Amino acid sequence: MFKIGDEIKIIKGAVYTNGNAVPEQNLNTKMYIRKVNGDNYTIGRATTGSIIGEVNVEFLKSVFENEATIKPYIVQVNTNNFPFYHSPSKNSGIVRRVDGGTLFTIVDERGDFGKVKLGAGWIDLTKVTKL
């Protein structure tokens, strides 16, 4: 889901992979992905230097991800090999592709991008049909 260098925040209630609770001062603060090991991510306050710790993906969110500002709605993909992006930018990397006709729920928007429910990524809303 995330890649090295991505800006993230750790959510409330997070624990490190060693079982220790993440200190309050490290929650909801912009940090960076430093290393990826399956669903576990090593994080730091900067892209180089000291490490904060390793956290499972379930405790992370993108810094671009805020509380939804829209009422969720359904869209249909119009083309095959349709890309899902890591964050609301075509430069953020493609995380998956789907076939035309597939339906998805959009739960947030950033410009021309919509966040797909269940953390599937971001899609270009100019290339789908709103139902």
Protein backbone atom coordinates (compact mmCIF):
# COMPACT_ATOMS: atom_id res chain seq x y z
CA MET A 1 0.00 0.00 0.00
CA PHE A 2 2.78 2.46 0.89
CA LYS A 3 6.24 2.81 -0.58
CA ILE A 4 9.56 4.14 0.72
CA GLY A 5 9.48 7.93 1.08
CA ASP A 6 5.69 8.23 1.46
CA GLU A 7 4.40 10.68 4.03
CA ILE A 8 2.19 8.96 6.62
CA LYS A 9 0.59 9.42 10.02
CA ILE A 10 0.17 6.81 12.75
CA ILE A 11 -3.37 6.47 14.07
CA LYS A 12 -4.50 6.45 17.70
CA GLY A 13 -4.24 3.05 19.38
CA ALA A 14 -1.26 1.94 17.29
CA VAL A 15 1.33 -0.52 18.54
CA TYR A 16 4.79 -1.27 17.19
CA THR A 17 5.38 -4.74 15.75
CA ASN A 18 7.23 -5.59 18.99
CA GLY A 19 3.94 -5.11 20.90
CA ASN A 20 4.79 -1.80 22.58
CA ALA A 21 2.29 1.06 22.30
CA VAL A 22 3.28 3.94 20.03
CA PRO A 23 3.82 7.02 22.27
CA GLU A 24 1.20 9.75 22.04
CA GLN A 25 3.72 12.27 20.64
CA ASN A 26 4.22 10.03 17.58
CA LEU A 27 0.52 9.89 16.70
CA ASN A 28 -0.98 12.06 13.93
CA THR A 29 2.44 13.55 13.19
CA LYS A 30 3.84 13.53 9.66
CA MET A 31 6.41 10.77 9.29
CA TYR A 32 8.02 8.90 6.41
CA ILE A 33 8.15 5.29 5.27
CA ARG A 34 11.77 4.20 5.47
CA LYS A 35 11.56 0.44 4.82
CA VAL A 36 8.86 -2.01 3.71
CA ASN A 37 8.63 -5.58 5.02
CA GLY A 38 5.34 -7.09 3.85
CA ASP A 39 2.55 -5.33 5.78
CA ASN A 40 5.04 -3.82 8.26
CA TYR A 41 6.60 -0.42 7.68
CA THR A 42 9.66 1.09 9.31
CA ILE A 43 9.05 4.79 9.90
CA GLY A 44 11.06 7.88 10.79
CA ARG A 45 10.50 11.59 11.30
CA ALA A 46 12.58 12.33 8.20
CA THR A 47 13.60 10.47 5.05
CA THR A 48 17.05 9.85 6.55
CA GLY A 49 18.45 9.56 10.06
CA SER A 50 16.91 7.93 13.12
CA ILE A 51 14.06 5.44 12.98
CA ILE A 52 10.89 5.67 15.13
CA GLY A 53 9.96 2.00 14.82
CA GLU A 54 8.10 -0.60 12.77
CA VAL A 55 4.29 -0.46 12.51
CA ASN A 56 1.73 -2.65 10.73
CA VAL A 57 -0.14 -1.04 7.82
CA GLU A 58 -3.43 -1.17 9.79
CA PHE A 59 -2.09 1.64 12.02
CA LEU A 60 -1.02 3.96 9.19
CA LYS A 61 -2.78 6.48 6.98
CA SER A 62 -1.59 8.80 4.27
CA VAL A 63 -1.07 12.42 5.29
CA PHE A 64 -3.41 13.22 2.39
CA GLU A 65 -6.15 11.16 4.03
CA ASN A 66 -8.46 13.25 6.17
CA GLU A 67 -11.93 12.58 7.41
CA ALA A 68 -14.26 12.20 4.46
CA THR A 69 -15.62 15.53 3.32
CA ILE A 70 -18.19 14.05 0.95
CA LYS A 71 -21.14 11.70 1.05
CA PRO A 72 -19.94 8.34 -0.36
CA TYR A 73 -21.12 7.53 -3.88
CA ILE A 74 -20.74 4.79 -6.50
CA VAL A 75 -18.72 5.06 -9.72
CA GLN A 76 -18.24 2.68 -12.64
CA VAL A 77 -14.90 2.22 -14.38
CA ASN A 78 -15.21 2.85 -18.14
CA THR A 79 -12.05 1.20 -19.52
CA ASN A 80 -10.01 -1.96 -19.05
CA ASN A 81 -6.61 -1.83 -17.34
CA PHE A 82 -7.86 1.14 -15.30
CA PRO A 83 -5.20 2.37 -12.81
CA PHE A 84 -5.54 2.88 -9.06
CA TYR A 85 -2.95 5.28 -7.67
CA HIS A 86 -1.21 5.18 -4.31
CA SER A 87 -2.21 8.77 -3.48
CA PRO A 88 -4.22 11.49 -5.28
CA SER A 89 -1.61 12.05 -7.99
CA LYS A 90 -0.73 10.24 -11.22
CA ASN A 91 2.91 10.54 -10.15
CA SER A 92 2.36 8.54 -6.94
CA GLY A 93 2.60 5.12 -8.55
CA ILE A 94 -0.01 2.61 -9.64
CA VAL A 95 -1.05 0.11 -6.95
CA ARG A 96 -3.39 -2.00 -9.10
CA ARG A 97 -5.48 -2.07 -12.26
CA VAL A 98 -9.08 -3.19 -12.84
CA ASP A 99 -11.33 -3.98 -15.80
CA GLY A 100 -14.06 -1.77 -17.21
CA GLY A 101 -17.54 -2.12 -15.77
CA THR A 102 -16.30 -2.55 -12.19
CA LEU A 103 -18.18 -0.56 -9.51
CA PHE A 104 -16.51 1.19 -6.58
CA THR A 105 -17.56 3.42 -3.68
CA ILE A 106 -15.81 6.78 -3.45
CA VAL A 107 -15.40 8.01 0.14
CA ASP A 108 -13.24 11.13 -0.28
CA GLU A 109 -12.08 13.51 -2.99
CA ARG A 110 -8.91 15.51 -3.68
CA GLY A 111 -9.20 17.57 -6.85
CA ASP A 112 -9.99 15.20 -9.74
CA PHE A 113 -9.17 12.13 -7.63
CA GLY A 114 -11.47 9.94 -5.54
CA LYS A 115 -10.46 7.63 -2.70
CA VAL A 116 -11.90 4.16 -3.11
CA LYS A 117 -13.49 2.57 -0.03
CA LEU A 118 -11.46 -0.09 1.82
CA GLY A 119 -8.09 1.49 1.06
CA ALA A 120 -7.91 0.28 -2.54
CA GLY A 121 -6.26 3.53 -3.67
CA TRP A 122 -7.18 6.69 -5.54
CA ILE A 123 -8.73 6.93 -9.00
CA ASP A 124 -9.03 9.67 -11.62
CA LEU A 125 -12.67 10.75 -11.37
CA THR A 126 -12.62 12.28 -14.86
CA LYS A 127 -12.32 8.72 -16.27
CA VAL A 128 -15.31 7.10 -14.50
CA THR A 129 -19.08 7.42 -14.54
CA LYS A 130 -20.84 8.53 -11.37
CA LEU A 131 -23.97 6.43 -10.73
